[in-house]
């Protein structure tokens, strides 16, 4: 396997691990922070406590979706970066082992 294969495989595996970590760790915080941030922003823009209306509910739901999407993106990107680093280190180790085998032969 070449260096490019190790990097590609590492980033894919890291992205999948990041997505799994998001499901178990990041889903609830993404929901919470998305809704809370939306309520804070809307209360500042509208100047006080919010009354329950269809527009407010739609905006809060949009904020929740945005919070979950941003959290998922962060988990997947960080996982892919970590996987790429592991793939790079693995390719270096593999090249050194192949170099050692060629020197012995």
Protein backbone atom coordinates (compact mmCIF):
# COMPACT_ATOMS: atom_id res chain seq x y z
CA UNK A 1 0.00 0.00 0.00
CA UNK A 2 1.18 3.48 -0.81
CA UNK A 3 1.28 6.56 1.35
CA UNK A 4 -1.80 7.96 -0.37
CA UNK A 5 -3.78 4.81 0.43
CA UNK A 6 -2.88 5.01 4.12
CA UNK A 7 -3.91 8.67 4.28
CA UNK A 8 -7.19 8.06 2.45
CA UNK A 9 -8.09 5.05 4.56
CA UNK A 10 -7.15 6.87 7.77
CA UNK A 11 -9.30 9.88 6.97
CA UNK A 12 -12.30 7.71 6.09
CA UNK A 13 -12.02 5.58 9.21
CA UNK A 14 -11.48 8.70 11.35
CA UNK A 15 -14.56 10.35 9.84
CA UNK A 16 -16.70 7.29 10.62
CA UNK A 17 -15.36 7.16 14.18
CA UNK A 18 -16.12 10.89 14.50
CA UNK A 19 -19.70 10.31 13.30
CA UNK A 20 -20.16 7.49 15.80
CA UNK A 21 -18.73 9.67 18.58
CA UNK A 22 -21.15 12.42 17.57
CA UNK A 23 -24.11 10.07 17.90
CA UNK A 24 -23.09 8.99 21.41
CA UNK A 25 -21.52 12.20 22.74
CA UNK A 26 -22.49 15.22 20.64
CA UNK A 27 -26.14 14.85 19.71
CA UNK A 28 -27.64 16.12 22.97
CA UNK A 29 -25.21 19.06 23.38
CA UNK A 30 -25.82 20.04 19.74
CA UNK A 31 -29.57 20.03 20.38
CA UNK A 32 -29.22 21.95 23.65
CA UNK A 33 -26.80 24.63 22.47
CA UNK A 34 -28.64 25.14 19.19
CA UNK A 35 -31.95 25.76 20.92
CA UNK A 36 -30.47 27.84 23.73
CA UNK A 37 -28.45 30.04 21.38
CA UNK A 38 -31.51 30.62 19.19
CA UNK A 39 -33.62 31.65 22.18
CA UNK A 40 -30.92 34.04 23.42
CA UNK A 41 -30.52 35.65 19.99
CA UNK A 42 -34.28 35.97 19.46
CA UNK A 43 -34.84 37.47 22.91
CA UNK A 44 -32.12 40.07 22.21
CA UNK A 45 -33.50 40.89 18.77
CA UNK A 46 -37.12 41.09 19.84
CA UNK A 47 -36.39 42.84 23.13
CA UNK A 48 -37.59 40.70 25.96
CA UNK A 49 -39.36 37.47 26.76
CA UNK A 50 -40.67 35.55 23.78
CA UNK A 51 -44.28 34.62 23.29
CA UNK A 52 -44.97 31.17 21.91
CA UNK A 53 -45.91 31.56 18.26
CA UNK A 54 -45.48 29.58 15.08
CA UNK A 55 -42.67 31.83 13.83
CA UNK A 56 -40.71 31.50 17.08
CA UNK A 57 -41.18 27.71 17.06
CA UNK A 58 -39.96 27.49 13.45
CA UNK A 59 -36.92 29.64 14.23
CA UNK A 60 -36.06 27.57 17.31
CA UNK A 61 -36.40 24.36 15.29
CA UNK A 62 -34.09 25.85 12.66
CA UNK A 63 -31.59 26.75 15.38
CA UNK A 64 -31.72 23.21 16.72
CA UNK A 65 -31.02 21.80 13.25
CA UNK A 66 -28.17 24.27 12.80
CA UNK A 67 -26.67 23.39 16.20
CA UNK A 68 -26.83 19.66 15.50
CA UNK A 69 -25.35 20.14 12.02
CA UNK A 70 -22.45 22.27 13.30
CA UNK A 71 -21.69 19.82 16.09
CA UNK A 72 -21.77 16.86 13.70
CA UNK A 73 -19.49 18.67 11.26
CA UNK A 74 -16.99 19.43 14.00
CA UNK A 75 -16.93 15.82 15.22
CA UNK A 76 -16.54 14.38 11.72
CA UNK A 77 -13.82 16.83 10.67
CA UNK A 78 -11.80 16.35 13.86
CA UNK A 79 -12.17 12.58 13.50
CA UNK A 80 -10.99 12.71 9.88
CA UNK A 81 -8.00 14.85 10.83
CA UNK A 82 -7.02 12.46 13.61
CA UNK A 83 -7.47 9.51 11.25
CA UNK A 84 -5.27 11.19 8.64
CA UNK A 85 -2.54 11.72 11.24
CA UNK A 86 -2.74 8.06 12.26
CA UNK A 87 -2.62 7.04 8.58
CA UNK A 88 0.45 9.20 8.03
CA UNK A 89 2.24 7.71 11.04
CA UNK A 90 1.28 4.21 9.86
CA UNK A 91 2.66 4.91 6.39
CA UNK A 92 5.95 6.15 7.89
CA UNK A 93 6.26 3.02 10.02
CA UNK A 94 5.44 0.84 7.02
CA UNK A 95 8.06 2.58 4.85
CA UNK A 96 10.74 2.15 7.54
CA UNK A 97 9.94 -1.55 7.87
CA UNK A 98 10.12 -2.01 4.10
CA UNK A 99 13.42 -0.12 4.06
CA UNK A 100 14.80 -2.41 6.75
CA UNK A 101 13.73 -5.52 4.81
CA UNK A 102 15.45 -4.24 1.65
CA UNK A 103 18.67 -3.57 3.56
CA UNK A 104 18.70 -7.15 4.97
CA UNK A 105 18.12 -8.75 1.54
